[in-house]
Amino acid sequence: MYSSTEYAMADSGSGGYSYLMEPLWWIGMITMIFGEIANFAAYAFAPAILVTPLGALSIIISAALAHIILREKLHTFGILGCVLCVVGSITIVLHAPQEREIDSVIEVWNLATEPAFLFYAALVVGAAIVLVVQFIPQYGQTHVMVYIGVCSLVGSLSVMSVKALGIALKLTFSGTNQLVYPQTWVFTLIVLTCVITQMNYLNKALDTFNTAVVSPIYYVMFTTLTILASIIMFKDWDRQTGTQIVTEMCGFVTILSGTFLLHKTKDMVDGSNAGSSSGSLLLRLPKHSEESNGFEQEGIPLRRQGSAKSPRPLRHPKHTPEEEGFDPEAVVPLRRQETCRSS
């Protein structure tokens, strides 16, 4: 698998951008852009506290496509995880707050420049800079939370900017031109900066660590920070009762549980299919077989196989003892003679 990219200077996990040379990466990127355009439109018509958790539905679609196209086994726990995601999504949809009526991008700008959100934005930017400057050079290749932390922090600001830009475009298409306001172009610049940063470090995380580890952690952190940013900026919970808020949180926790269960058990197969006599027993397949690396590795590995460092080869002596004129058997008689003399 790695032979197709061996001509590249370095992979993204090592700081390079060799994935830009991969046609498959561009195909995935183009399809993702179409999906993000639809997601962009959703933020213009619905609150972020509703749109962002519904991203878990993409996990269900991915699991279904992997079962159909890649012939991956979708076992009982995987189906249960999908059901939990659907139940949690329905719960959030039924109790989500109504979209706030906004008549101008100036109103969004006033919300974004309130002290509470400015404090949150400064905290996020400061934390992201500290992670990039201080922690990534030292722990980027060993701790999955470093790359994902940057993506999630910057992603929460990108969603708020995307929503502001979406509202400006919606009002423009409805007849009220918002492109004449400089605030619209400021939001556009913030969107471009945040999205490029988010894509860069997400690709590094996926290239360095296992996708089954990155995806659920990134979803949890990104969704949590986005909901927090939306609550601070758009004050979504001010228009809801305590019962609605608690119900939304229960739906969100249900989605998280389904996401975790689906990724945690994705490498398991039914024991009957694996030749086990227990029938309903679930077994976890090793990520790499014994023949490939000389040992059996259980569970989901943290790092990708291509990112792991190859073991250091053993050093062989330049000359064997026989070549140097040393006879190991000659030591035994000498020791026996010494023993006999002492006796």
C-alpha atoms as a PDB file:
ATOM      1  CA  MET A   1       0.000   0.000   0.000  1.00  0.00           C
ATOM      2  CA  TYR A   2       2.824   2.380   0.801  1.00  0.00           C
ATOM      3  CA  SER A   3       4.620   1.681  -2.498  1.00  0.00           C
ATOM      4  CA  SER A   4       2.345   4.101  -4.367  1.00  0.00           C
ATOM      5  CA  THR A   5       3.647   7.002  -2.279  1.00  0.00           C
ATOM      6  CA  GLU A   6       7.275   6.033  -1.807  1.00  0.00           C
ATOM      7  CA  TYR A   7       8.303   8.645  -4.366  1.00  0.00           C
ATOM      8  CA  ALA A   8       7.084  11.403  -2.036  1.00  0.00           C
ATOM      9  CA  MET A   9       9.559  13.205   0.169  1.00  0.00           C
ATOM     10  CA  ALA A  10       7.705  12.640   3.428  1.00  0.00           C
ATOM     11  CA  ASP A  11       4.269  11.724   4.671  1.00  0.00           C
ATOM     12  CA  SER A  12       1.952  14.172   6.358  1.00  0.00           C
ATOM     13  CA  GLY A  13       2.516  12.640   9.756  1.00  0.00           C
ATOM     14  CA  SER A  14       6.206  13.555   9.448  1.00  0.00           C
ATOM     15  CA  GLY A  15       5.404  17.090   8.337  1.00  0.00           C
ATOM     16  CA  GLY A  16       5.221  16.485   4.585  1.00  0.00           C
ATOM     17  CA  TYR A  17       2.376  16.724   2.119  1.00  0.00           C
ATOM     18  CA  SER A  18       2.820  13.608   0.004  1.00  0.00           C
ATOM     19  CA  TYR A  19      -0.904  12.880   0.236  1.00  0.00           C
ATOM     20  CA  LEU A  20      -1.434  15.748  -2.240  1.00  0.00           C
ATOM     21  CA  MET A  21       0.107  13.490  -4.898  1.00  0.00           C
ATOM     22  CA  GLU A  22      -2.478  10.764  -4.373  1.00  0.00           C
ATOM     23  CA  PRO A  23      -5.414  10.672  -6.882  1.00  0.00           C
ATOM     24  CA  LEU A  24      -7.517   8.742  -4.372  1.00  0.00           C
ATOM     25  CA  TRP A  25      -7.029  11.547  -1.837  1.00  0.00           C
ATOM     26  CA  TRP A  26      -8.306  14.108  -4.353  1.00  0.00           C
ATOM     27  CA  ILE A  27     -11.334  11.961  -5.192  1.00  0.00           C
ATOM     28  CA  GLY A  28     -12.184  11.755  -1.511  1.00  0.00           C
ATOM     29  CA  MET A  29     -11.564  15.471  -1.078  1.00  0.00           C
ATOM     30  CA  ILE A  30     -13.866  16.408  -3.985  1.00  0.00           C
ATOM     31  CA  THR A  31     -16.699  14.233  -2.694  1.00  0.00           C
ATOM     32  CA  MET A  32     -16.179  15.661   0.782  1.00  0.00           C
ATOM     33  CA  ILE A  33     -16.394  19.199  -0.619  1.00  0.00           C
ATOM     34  CA  PHE A  34     -19.823  18.442  -2.080  1.00  0.00           C
ATOM     35  CA  GLY A  35     -20.921  17.104   1.291  1.00  0.00           C
ATOM     36  CA  GLU A  36     -19.549  20.146   3.090  1.00  0.00           C
ATOM     37  CA  ILE A  37     -21.428  22.452   0.720  1.00  0.00           C
ATOM     38  CA  ALA A  38     -24.663  20.794   1.822  1.00  0.00           C
ATOM     39  CA  ASN A  39     -23.470  21.019   5.427  1.00  0.00           C
ATOM     40  CA  PHE A  40     -22.686  24.706   4.837  1.00  0.00           C
ATOM     41  CA  ALA A  41     -26.247  25.304   3.673  1.00  0.00           C
ATOM     42  CA  ALA A  42     -27.616  23.505   6.723  1.00  0.00           C
ATOM     43  CA  TYR A  43     -25.825  25.892   9.080  1.00  0.00           C
ATOM     44  CA  ALA A  44     -27.557  28.817   7.375  1.00  0.00           C
ATOM     45  CA  PHE A  45     -31.038  27.446   8.153  1.00  0.00           C
ATOM     46  CA  ALA A  46     -30.602  25.564  11.453  1.00  0.00           C
ATOM     47  CA  PRO A  47     -28.722  26.118  14.730  1.00  0.00           C
ATOM     48  CA  ALA A  48     -25.280  24.567  15.081  1.00  0.00           C
ATOM     49  CA  ILE A  49     -26.414  22.699  18.182  1.00  0.00           C
ATOM     50  CA  LEU A  50     -28.710  20.712  15.844  1.00  0.00           C
ATOM     51  CA  VAL A  51     -26.553  20.363  12.720  1.00  0.00           C
ATOM     52  CA  THR A  52     -23.248  19.335  14.288  1.00  0.00           C
ATOM     53  CA  PRO A  53     -24.401  16.254  16.279  1.00  0.00           C
ATOM     54  CA  LEU A  54     -26.222  14.983  13.182  1.00  0.00           C
ATOM     55  CA  GLY A  55     -22.785  14.465  11.642  1.00  0.00           C
ATOM     56  CA  ALA A  56     -22.888  11.068  13.361  1.00  0.00           C
ATOM     57  CA  LEU A  57     -25.200   9.935  10.547  1.00  0.00           C
ATOM     58  CA  SER A  58     -22.161   9.997   8.250  1.00  0.00           C
ATOM     59  CA  ILE A  59     -20.634   7.283  10.447  1.00  0.00           C
ATOM     60  CA  ILE A  60     -23.672   5.099   9.784  1.00  0.00           C
ATOM     61  CA  ILE A  61     -23.402   5.688   6.035  1.00  0.00           C
ATOM     62  CA  SER A  62     -19.684   4.847   6.162  1.00  0.00           C
ATOM     63  CA  ALA A  63     -20.370   1.602   8.017  1.00  0.00           C
ATOM     64  CA  ALA A  64     -23.082   0.637   5.514  1.00  0.00           C
ATOM     65  CA  LEU A  65     -20.878   1.421   2.505  1.00  0.00           C
ATOM     66  CA  ALA A  66     -17.974  -0.506   4.034  1.00  0.00           C
ATOM     67  CA  HIS A  67     -20.292  -3.477   4.470  1.00  0.00           C
ATOM     68  CA  ILE A  68     -21.517  -3.285   0.859  1.00  0.00           C
ATOM     69  CA  ILE A  69     -18.404  -2.201  -1.046  1.00  0.00           C
ATOM     70  CA  LEU A  70     -15.520  -3.460   1.091  1.00  0.00           C
ATOM     71  CA  ARG A  71     -17.370  -6.577   2.309  1.00  0.00           C
ATOM     72  CA  GLU A  72     -16.654  -5.709   5.923  1.00  0.00           C
ATOM     73  CA  LYS A  73     -18.700  -7.634   8.456  1.00  0.00           C
ATOM     74  CA  LEU A  74     -21.255  -5.468  10.271  1.00  0.00           C
ATOM     75  CA  HIS A  75     -21.889  -7.546  13.379  1.00  0.00           C
ATOM     76  CA  THR A  76     -24.426  -7.189  16.174  1.00  0.00           C
ATOM     77  CA  PHE A  77     -22.555  -4.531  18.155  1.00  0.00           C
ATOM     78  CA  GLY A  78     -22.016  -2.490  14.987  1.00  0.00           C
ATOM     79  CA  ILE A  79     -25.745  -2.544  14.223  1.00  0.00           C
ATOM     80  CA  LEU A  80     -26.463  -1.565  17.842  1.00  0.00           C
ATOM     81  CA  GLY A  81     -24.085   1.391  17.501  1.00  0.00           C
ATOM     82  CA  CYS A  82     -25.902   2.548  14.364  1.00  0.00           C
ATOM     83  CA  VAL A  83     -29.257   2.272  16.131  1.00  0.00           C
ATOM     84  CA  LEU A  84     -27.968   4.363  19.053  1.00  0.00           C
ATOM     85  CA  CYS A  85     -26.767   7.058  16.647  1.00  0.00           C
ATOM     86  CA  VAL A  86     -30.186   7.167  14.969  1.00  0.00           C
ATOM     87  CA  VAL A  87     -32.051   7.310  18.293  1.00  0.00           C
ATOM     88  CA  GLY A  88     -29.817  10.081  19.600  1.00  0.00           C
ATOM     89  CA  SER A  89     -30.175  12.066  16.378  1.00  0.00           C
ATOM     90  CA  ILE A  90     -33.980  11.830  16.470  1.00  0.00           C
ATOM     91  CA  THR A  91     -33.964  12.948  20.118  1.00  0.00           C
ATOM     92  CA  ILE A  92     -31.910  16.042  19.296  1.00  0.00           C
ATOM     93  CA  VAL A  93     -34.026  16.908  16.252  1.00  0.00           C
ATOM     94  CA  LEU A  94     -37.253  16.744  18.257  1.00  0.00           C
ATOM     95  CA  HIS A  95     -35.947  18.992  21.049  1.00  0.00           C
ATOM     96  CA  ALA A  96     -33.560  21.334  19.199  1.00  0.00           C
ATOM     97  CA  PRO A  97     -34.058  25.100  19.599  1.00  0.00           C
ATOM     98  CA  GLN A  98     -35.591  27.192  16.842  1.00  0.00           C
ATOM     99  CA  GLU A  99     -33.262  29.109  14.564  1.00  0.00           C
ATOM    100  CA  ARG A 100     -32.711  32.671  15.671  1.00  0.00           C
ATOM    101  CA  GLU A 101     -34.094  35.307  13.314  1.00  0.00           C
ATOM    102  CA  ILE A 102     -31.208  37.395  11.969  1.00  0.00           C
ATOM    103  CA  ASP A 103     -31.747  40.213   9.493  1.00  0.00           C
ATOM    104  CA  SER A 104     -28.181  41.335   8.802  1.00  0.00           C
ATOM    105  CA  VAL A 105     -24.606  40.136   9.039  1.00  0.00           C
ATOM    106  CA  ILE A 106     -24.033  43.114  11.323  1.00  0.00           C
ATOM    107  CA  GLU A 107     -26.190  41.381  13.898  1.00  0.00           C
ATOM    108  CA  VAL A 108     -24.014  38.261  13.684  1.00  0.00           C
ATOM    109  CA  TRP A 109     -20.927  40.430  14.037  1.00  0.00           C
ATOM    110  CA  ASN A 110     -22.364  41.999  17.194  1.00  0.00           C
ATOM    111  CA  LEU A 111     -22.930  38.528  18.642  1.00  0.00           C
ATOM    112  CA  ALA A 112     -19.357  37.507  17.758  1.00  0.00           C
ATOM    113  CA  THR A 113     -17.852  40.595  19.387  1.00  0.00           C
ATOM    114  CA  GLU A 114     -19.564  40.234  22.747  1.00  0.00           C
ATOM    115  CA  PRO A 115     -17.143  39.781  25.671  1.00  0.00           C
ATOM    116  CA  ALA A 116     -18.147  36.176  26.386  1.00  0.00           C
ATOM    117  CA  PHE A 117     -17.442  34.917  22.864  1.00  0.00           C
ATOM    118  CA  LEU A 118     -14.320  37.054  22.490  1.00  0.00           C
ATOM    119  CA  PHE A 119     -12.969  35.422  25.647  1.00  0.00           C
ATOM    120  CA  TYR A 120     -13.797  31.971  24.260  1.00  0.00           C
ATOM    121  CA  ALA A 121     -12.189  32.774  20.889  1.00  0.00           C
ATOM    122  CA  ALA A 122      -9.037  34.120  22.545  1.00  0.00           C
ATOM    123  CA  LEU A 123      -8.848  31.024  24.743  1.00  0.00           C
ATOM    124  CA  VAL A 124      -9.229  28.721  21.723  1.00  0.00           C
ATOM    125  CA  VAL A 125      -6.643  30.550  19.615  1.00  0.00           C
ATOM    126  CA  GLY A 126      -4.185  30.649  22.509  1.00  0.00           C
ATOM    127  CA  ALA A 127      -4.604  26.928  23.224  1.00  0.00           C
ATOM    128  CA  ALA A 128      -4.186  26.052  19.533  1.00  0.00           C
ATOM    129  CA  ILE A 129      -0.991  28.112  19.271  1.00  0.00           C
ATOM    130  CA  VAL A 130       0.448  26.462  22.381  1.00  0.00           C
ATOM    131  CA  LEU A 131      -0.332  23.000  20.962  1.00  0.00           C
ATOM    132  CA  VAL A 132       1.242  23.831  17.592  1.00  0.00           C
ATOM    133  CA  VAL A 133       4.372  25.502  18.950  1.00  0.00           C
ATOM    134  CA  GLN A 134       5.027  23.603  22.180  1.00  0.00           C
ATOM    135  CA  PHE A 135       3.423  20.154  22.030  1.00  0.00           C
ATOM    136  CA  ILE A 136       3.315  19.040  18.390  1.00  0.00           C
ATOM    137  CA  PRO A 137       7.122  19.035  17.892  1.00  0.00           C
ATOM    138  CA  GLN A 138       7.559  16.869  21.010  1.00  0.00           C
ATOM    139  CA  TYR A 139       4.416  14.750  21.267  1.00  0.00           C
ATOM    140  CA  GLY A 140       2.759  14.931  17.838  1.00  0.00           C
ATOM    141  CA  GLN A 141       3.975  11.488  16.775  1.00  0.00           C
ATOM    142  CA  THR A 142       3.102   9.743  20.050  1.00  0.00           C
ATOM    143  CA  HIS A 143      -0.033  11.399  21.483  1.00  0.00           C
ATOM    144  CA  VAL A 144      -3.192  11.359  19.380  1.00  0.00           C
ATOM    145  CA  MET A 145      -4.826  14.141  21.407  1.00  0.00           C
ATOM    146  CA  VAL A 146      -2.337  16.767  20.190  1.00  0.00           C
ATOM    147  CA  TYR A 147      -3.356  16.826  16.516  1.00  0.00           C
ATOM    148  CA  ILE A 148      -7.025  16.242  17.320  1.00  0.00           C
ATOM    149  CA  GLY A 149      -6.970  19.031  19.883  1.00  0.00           C
ATOM    150  CA  VAL A 150      -5.861  21.558  17.269  1.00  0.00           C
ATOM    151  CA  CYS A 151      -8.498  20.326  14.793  1.00  0.00           C
ATOM    152  CA  SER A 152     -11.309  20.474  17.341  1.00  0.00           C
ATOM    153  CA  LEU A 153     -10.401  23.880  18.754  1.00  0.00           C
ATOM    154  CA  VAL A 154     -10.024  25.524  15.360  1.00  0.00           C
ATOM    155  CA  GLY A 155     -13.051  23.610  14.050  1.00  0.00           C
ATOM    156  CA  SER A 156     -15.375  25.191  16.616  1.00  0.00           C
ATOM    157  CA  LEU A 157     -14.414  28.655  15.358  1.00  0.00           C
ATOM    158  CA  SER A 158     -14.744  27.573  11.735  1.00  0.00           C
ATOM    159  CA  VAL A 159     -18.324  26.395  12.322  1.00  0.00           C
ATOM    160  CA  MET A 160     -19.295  29.743  13.855  1.00  0.00           C
ATOM    161  CA  SER A 161     -17.729  31.588  10.917  1.00  0.00           C
ATOM    162  CA  VAL A 162     -19.365  29.236   8.410  1.00  0.00           C
ATOM    163  CA  LYS A 163     -22.735  29.878  10.000  1.00  0.00           C
ATOM    164  CA  ALA A 164     -22.189  33.643   9.840  1.00  0.00           C
ATOM    165  CA  LEU A 165     -21.121  33.440   6.193  1.00  0.00           C
ATOM    166  CA  GLY A 166     -24.046  31.156   5.371  1.00  0.00           C
ATOM    167  CA  ILE A 167     -26.500  33.612   6.893  1.00  0.00           C
ATOM    168  CA  ALA A 168     -24.921  36.438   4.870  1.00  0.00           C
ATOM    169  CA  LEU A 169     -25.258  34.464   1.620  1.00  0.00           C
ATOM    170  CA  LYS A 170     -28.825  33.440   2.442  1.00  0.00           C
ATOM    171  CA  LEU A 171     -29.819  37.050   3.002  1.00  0.00           C
ATOM    172  CA  THR A 172     -27.990  38.084  -0.182  1.00  0.00           C
ATOM    173  CA  PHE A 173     -29.824  35.505  -2.295  1.00  0.00           C
ATOM    174  CA  SER A 174     -33.132  36.594  -0.753  1.00  0.00           C
ATOM    175  CA  GLY A 175     -32.593  40.162  -1.954  1.00  0.00           C
ATOM    176  CA  THR A 176     -30.713  41.856   0.896  1.00  0.00           C
ATOM    177  CA  ASN A 177     -27.131  42.245  -0.265  1.00  0.00           C
ATOM    178  CA  GLN A 178     -24.688  41.511   2.551  1.00  0.00           C
ATOM    179  CA  LEU A 179     -21.540  41.505   0.406  1.00  0.00           C
ATOM    180  CA  VAL A 180     -21.207  45.257   0.799  1.00  0.00           C
ATOM    181  CA  TYR A 181     -20.400  44.858   4.490  1.00  0.00           C
ATOM    182  CA  PRO A 182     -16.744  44.289   5.402  1.00  0.00           C
ATOM    183  CA  GLN A 183     -17.831  41.920   8.174  1.00  0.00           C
ATOM    184  CA  THR A 184     -18.893  39.392   5.516  1.00  0.00           C
ATOM    185  CA  TRP A 185     -15.376  39.293   4.083  1.00  0.00           C
ATOM    186  CA  VAL A 186     -13.848  39.080   7.548  1.00  0.00           C
ATOM    187  CA  PHE A 187     -15.935  35.968   8.231  1.00  0.00           C
ATOM    188  CA  THR A 188     -14.844  34.593   4.839  1.00  0.00           C
ATOM    189  CA  LEU A 189     -11.176  35.057   5.728  1.00  0.00           C
ATOM    190  CA  ILE A 190     -11.689  33.375   9.096  1.00  0.00           C
ATOM    191  CA  VAL A 191     -13.424  30.435   7.395  1.00  0.00           C
ATOM    192  CA  LEU A 192     -10.565  29.920   4.923  1.00  0.00           C
ATOM    193  CA  THR A 193      -7.904  30.154   7.640  1.00  0.00           C
ATOM    194  CA  CYS A 194      -9.673  27.796  10.025  1.00  0.00           C
ATOM    195  CA  VAL A 195     -10.617  25.212   7.373  1.00  0.00           C
ATOM    196  CA  ILE A 196      -7.077  25.033   5.949  1.00  0.00           C
ATOM    197  CA  THR A 197      -5.617  24.633   9.444  1.00  0.00           C
ATOM    198  CA  GLN A 198      -8.208  22.046  10.377  1.00  0.00           C
ATOM    199  CA  MET A 199      -7.635  19.991   7.198  1.00  0.00           C
ATOM    200  CA  ASN A 200      -3.865  20.111   7.627  1.00  0.00           C
ATOM    201  CA  TYR A 201      -3.754  18.725  11.152  1.00  0.00           C
ATOM    202  CA  LEU A 202      -6.595  16.273  10.590  1.00  0.00           C
ATOM    203  CA  ASN A 203      -4.639  14.747   7.693  1.00  0.00           C
ATOM    204  CA  LYS A 204      -1.575  14.529   9.924  1.00  0.00           C
ATOM    205  CA  ALA A 205      -3.618  12.751  12.616  1.00  0.00           C
ATOM    206  CA  LEU A 206      -5.103  10.280  10.132  1.00  0.00           C
ATOM    207  CA  ASP A 207      -1.703   9.608   8.573  1.00  0.00           C
ATOM    208  CA  THR A 208       0.004   9.058  11.928  1.00  0.00           C
ATOM    209  CA  PHE A 209      -2.629   7.196  13.935  1.00  0.00           C
ATOM    210  CA  ASN A 210      -5.245   4.565  13.262  1.00  0.00           C
ATOM    211  CA  THR A 211      -8.507   5.867  11.797  1.00  0.00           C
ATOM    212  CA  ALA A 212     -10.518   3.812  14.287  1.00  0.00           C
ATOM    213  CA  VAL A 213      -8.836   5.800  17.064  1.00  0.00           C
ATOM    214  CA  VAL A 214      -8.908   9.242  15.442  1.00  0.00           C
ATOM    215  CA  SER A 215     -12.534   9.293  14.219  1.00  0.00           C
ATOM    216  CA  PRO A 216     -14.450   8.832  17.502  1.00  0.00           C
ATOM    217  CA  ILE A 217     -12.121  11.081  19.517  1.00  0.00           C
ATOM    218  CA  TYR A 218     -12.274  13.822  16.904  1.00  0.00           C
ATOM    219  CA  TYR A 219     -16.062  13.584  16.639  1.00  0.00           C
ATOM    220  CA  VAL A 220     -16.521  13.866  20.411  1.00  0.00           C
ATOM    221  CA  MET A 221     -14.141  16.817  20.865  1.00  0.00           C
ATOM    222  CA  PHE A 222     -15.233  18.696  17.747  1.00  0.00           C
ATOM    223  CA  THR A 223     -18.955  18.314  18.477  1.00  0.00           C
ATOM    224  CA  THR A 224     -18.587  19.242  22.136  1.00  0.00           C
ATOM    225  CA  LEU A 225     -16.571  22.402  21.434  1.00  0.00           C
ATOM    226  CA  THR A 226     -18.884  23.420  18.590  1.00  0.00           C
ATOM    227  CA  ILE A 227     -21.973  23.109  20.792  1.00  0.00           C
ATOM    228  CA  LEU A 228     -20.200  25.123  23.480  1.00  0.00           C
ATOM    229  CA  ALA A 229     -19.256  27.844  20.992  1.00  0.00           C
ATOM    230  CA  SER A 230     -22.812  27.987  19.640  1.00  0.00           C
ATOM    231  CA  ILE A 231     -24.260  28.273  23.139  1.00  0.00           C
ATOM    232  CA  ILE A 232     -21.928  31.172  23.938  1.00  0.00           C
ATOM    233  CA  MET A 233     -22.291  33.055  20.648  1.00  0.00           C
ATOM    234  CA  PHE A 234     -25.916  32.476  19.605  1.00  0.00           C
ATOM    235  CA  LYS A 235     -27.283  31.792  23.110  1.00  0.00           C
ATOM    236  CA  ASP A 236     -29.236  28.753  21.940  1.00  0.00           C
ATOM    237  CA  TRP A 237     -30.187  27.628  25.442  1.00  0.00           C
ATOM    238  CA  ASP A 238     -31.718  30.973  26.349  1.00  0.00           C
ATOM    239  CA  ARG A 239     -34.789  30.058  24.295  1.00  0.00           C
ATOM    240  CA  GLN A 240     -35.242  26.586  25.824  1.00  0.00           C
ATOM    241  CA  THR A 241     -36.532  25.067  29.029  1.00  0.00           C
ATOM    242  CA  GLY A 242     -34.489  22.912  31.372  1.00  0.00           C
ATOM    243  CA  THR A 243     -36.277  19.766  30.201  1.00  0.00           C
ATOM    244  CA  GLN A 244     -35.378  20.436  26.572  1.00  0.00           C
ATOM    245  CA  ILE A 245     -31.732  21.065  27.442  1.00  0.00           C
ATOM    246  CA  VAL A 246     -31.461  17.845  29.461  1.00  0.00           C
ATOM    247  CA  THR A 247     -33.154  15.875  26.683  1.00  0.00           C
ATOM    248  CA  GLU A 248     -30.735  17.278  24.121  1.00  0.00           C
ATOM    249  CA  MET A 249     -27.785  16.286  26.281  1.00  0.00           C
ATOM    250  CA  CYS A 250     -29.204  12.766  26.641  1.00  0.00           C
ATOM    251  CA  GLY A 251     -29.520  12.532  22.863  1.00  0.00           C
ATOM    252  CA  PHE A 252     -25.955  13.769  22.454  1.00  0.00           C
ATOM    253  CA  VAL A 253     -24.633  11.187  24.946  1.00  0.00           C
ATOM    254  CA  THR A 254     -26.583   8.489  23.090  1.00  0.00           C
ATOM    255  CA  ILE A 255     -24.904   9.481  19.839  1.00  0.00           C
ATOM    256  CA  LEU A 256     -21.490   9.424  21.519  1.00  0.00           C
ATOM    257  CA  SER A 257     -22.199   5.954  22.893  1.00  0.00           C
ATOM    258  CA  GLY A 258     -23.214   4.657  19.481  1.00  0.00           C
ATOM    259  CA  THR A 259     -20.154   6.219  17.841  1.00  0.00           C
ATOM    260  CA  PHE A 260     -17.806   4.724  20.413  1.00  0.00           C
ATOM    261  CA  LEU A 261     -19.436   1.300  20.181  1.00  0.00           C
ATOM    262  CA  LEU A 262     -19.339   1.276  16.386  1.00  0.00           C
ATOM    263  CA  HIS A 263     -15.630   2.159  16.222  1.00  0.00           C
ATOM    264  CA  LYS A 264     -14.551   0.095  19.218  1.00  0.00           C
ATOM    265  CA  THR A 265     -16.007  -3.125  17.807  1.00  0.00           C
ATOM    266  CA  LYS A 266     -15.361  -2.565  14.099  1.00  0.00           C
ATOM    267  CA  ASP A 267     -12.614  -5.234  14.036  1.00  0.00           C
ATOM    268  CA  MET A 268     -14.760  -7.887  15.666  1.00  0.00           C
ATOM    269  CA  VAL A 269     -16.409 -10.760  13.818  1.00  0.00           C
ATOM    270  CA  ASP A 270     -18.879 -13.387  14.928  1.00  0.00           C
ATOM    271  CA  GLY A 271     -17.218 -16.400  16.493  1.00  0.00           C
ATOM    272  CA  SER A 272     -19.159 -18.742  14.198  1.00  0.00           C
ATOM    273  CA  ASN A 273     -17.572 -17.114  11.171  1.00  0.00           C
ATOM    274  CA  ALA A 274     -14.134 -17.408  12.723  1.00  0.00           C
ATOM    275  CA  GLY A 275     -14.473 -21.111  13.334  1.00  0.00           C
ATOM    276  CA  SER A 276     -15.357 -20.877  16.995  1.00  0.00           C
ATOM    277  CA  SER A 277     -17.696 -23.419  18.496  1.00  0.00           C
ATOM    278  CA  SER A 278     -19.388 -20.884  20.763  1.00  0.00           C
ATOM    279  CA  GLY A 279     -21.501 -19.490  17.931  1.00  0.00           C
ATOM    280  CA  SER A 280     -22.436 -16.106  19.346  1.00  0.00           C
ATOM    281  CA  LEU A 281     -18.986 -15.295  20.700  1.00  0.00           C
ATOM    282  CA  LEU A 282     -17.437 -12.120  19.303  1.00  0.00           C
ATOM    283  CA  LEU A 283     -13.737 -12.160  18.555  1.00  0.00           C
ATOM    284  CA  ARG A 284     -11.466  -9.227  17.854  1.00  0.00           C
ATOM    285  CA  LEU A 285      -9.337  -9.641  14.787  1.00  0.00           C
ATOM    286  CA  PRO A 286      -5.697  -8.630  15.120  1.00  0.00           C
ATOM    287  CA  LYS A 287      -4.770  -5.622  13.063  1.00  0.00           C
ATOM    288  CA  HIS A 288      -1.804  -7.442  11.539  1.00  0.00           C
ATOM    289  CA  SER A 289      -1.313 -11.164  11.247  1.00  0.00           C
ATOM    290  CA  GLU A 290       1.484 -13.092  12.902  1.00  0.00           C
ATOM    291  CA  GLU A 291       3.103 -13.764   9.556  1.00  0.00           C
ATOM    292  CA  SER A 292       3.338 -10.063   8.757  1.00  0.00           C
ATOM    293  CA  ASN A 293       5.156  -8.840  11.843  1.00  0.00           C
ATOM    294  CA  GLY A 294       6.153 -11.900  13.833  1.00  0.00           C
ATOM    295  CA  PHE A 295       3.763 -11.406  16.743  1.00  0.00           C
ATOM    296  CA  GLU A 296       0.052 -11.253  17.382  1.00  0.00           C
ATOM    297  CA  GLN A 297      -1.326  -7.826  18.223  1.00  0.00           C
ATOM    298  CA  GLU A 298      -4.751  -7.716  19.825  1.00  0.00           C
ATOM    299  CA  GLY A 299      -7.190  -4.835  19.686  1.00  0.00           C
ATOM    300  CA  ILE A 300      -6.971  -1.663  17.629  1.00  0.00           C
ATOM    301  CA  PRO A 301      -3.425  -0.301  17.462  1.00  0.00           C
ATOM    302  CA  LEU A 302      -2.920   3.382  18.192  1.00  0.00           C
ATOM    303  CA  ARG A 303      -0.527   4.052  15.319  1.00  0.00           C
ATOM    304  CA  ARG A 304      -0.817   3.209  11.659  1.00  0.00           C
ATOM    305  CA  GLN A 305       1.417   0.424  10.412  1.00  0.00           C
ATOM    306  CA  GLY A 306       3.134   2.694   7.907  1.00  0.00           C
ATOM    307  CA  SER A 307       3.920   5.272  10.576  1.00  0.00           C
ATOM    308  CA  ALA A 308       5.516   2.847  13.018  1.00  0.00           C
ATOM    309  CA  LYS A 309       9.267   2.884  13.155  1.00  0.00           C
ATOM    310  CA  SER A 310      10.987  -0.220  11.899  1.00  0.00           C
ATOM    311  CA  PRO A 311      12.932  -2.169  14.529  1.00  0.00           C
ATOM    312  CA  ARG A 312      16.636  -1.531  14.694  1.00  0.00           C
ATOM    313  CA  PRO A 313      18.587  -4.384  13.082  1.00  0.00           C
ATOM    314  CA  LEU A 314      20.821  -6.476  15.289  1.00  0.00           C
ATOM    315  CA  ARG A 315      24.519  -5.949  15.002  1.00  0.00           C
ATOM    316  CA  HIS A 316      26.563  -8.969  13.988  1.00  0.00           C
ATOM    317  CA  PRO A 317      30.184  -9.277  15.080  1.00  0.00           C
ATOM    318  CA  LYS A 318      32.714  -8.717  12.361  1.00  0.00           C
ATOM    319  CA  HIS A 319      34.588 -11.936  13.261  1.00  0.00           C
ATOM    320  CA  THR A 320      33.332 -15.096  14.898  1.00  0.00           C
ATOM    321  CA  PRO A 321      35.238 -16.582  17.870  1.00  0.00           C
ATOM    322  CA  GLU A 322      36.462 -19.442  15.657  1.00  0.00           C
ATOM    323  CA  GLU A 323      37.911 -16.977  13.130  1.00  0.00           C
ATOM    324  CA  GLU A 324      39.835 -15.210  15.879  1.00  0.00           C
ATOM    325  CA  GLY A 325      41.413 -18.498  17.051  1.00  0.00           C
ATOM    326  CA  PHE A 326      39.333 -18.846  20.202  1.00  0.00           C
ATOM    327  CA  ASP A 327      38.102 -22.333  21.076  1.00  0.00           C
ATOM    328  CA  PRO A 328      35.240 -22.347  23.598  1.00  0.00           C
ATOM    329  CA  GLU A 329      35.756 -26.041  24.405  1.00  0.00           C
ATOM    330  CA  ALA A 330      39.299 -25.353  25.534  1.00  0.00           C
ATOM    331  CA  VAL A 331      38.015 -23.488  28.567  1.00  0.00           C
ATOM    332  CA  VAL A 332      36.424 -26.580  30.071  1.00  0.00           C
ATOM    333  CA  PRO A 333      39.593 -28.658  30.414  1.00  0.00           C
ATOM    334  CA  LEU A 334      41.439 -25.702  31.918  1.00  0.00           C
ATOM    335  CA  ARG A 335      38.753 -25.258  34.548  1.00  0.00           C
ATOM    336  CA  ARG A 336      38.729 -28.980  35.296  1.00  0.00           C
ATOM    337  CA  GLN A 337      42.519 -29.001  35.757  1.00  0.00           C
ATOM    338  CA  GLU A 338      42.311 -26.076  38.129  1.00  0.00           C
ATOM    339  CA  THR A 339      39.618 -27.879  40.077  1.00  0.00           C
ATOM    340  CA  CYS A 340      41.698 -31.010  40.332  1.00  0.00           C
ATOM    341  CA  ARG A 341      44.763 -29.078  41.513  1.00  0.00           C
ATOM    342  CA  SER A 342      42.792 -27.322  44.214  1.00  0.00           C
ATOM    343  CA  SER A 343      41.450 -30.620  45.455  1.00  0.00           C
END
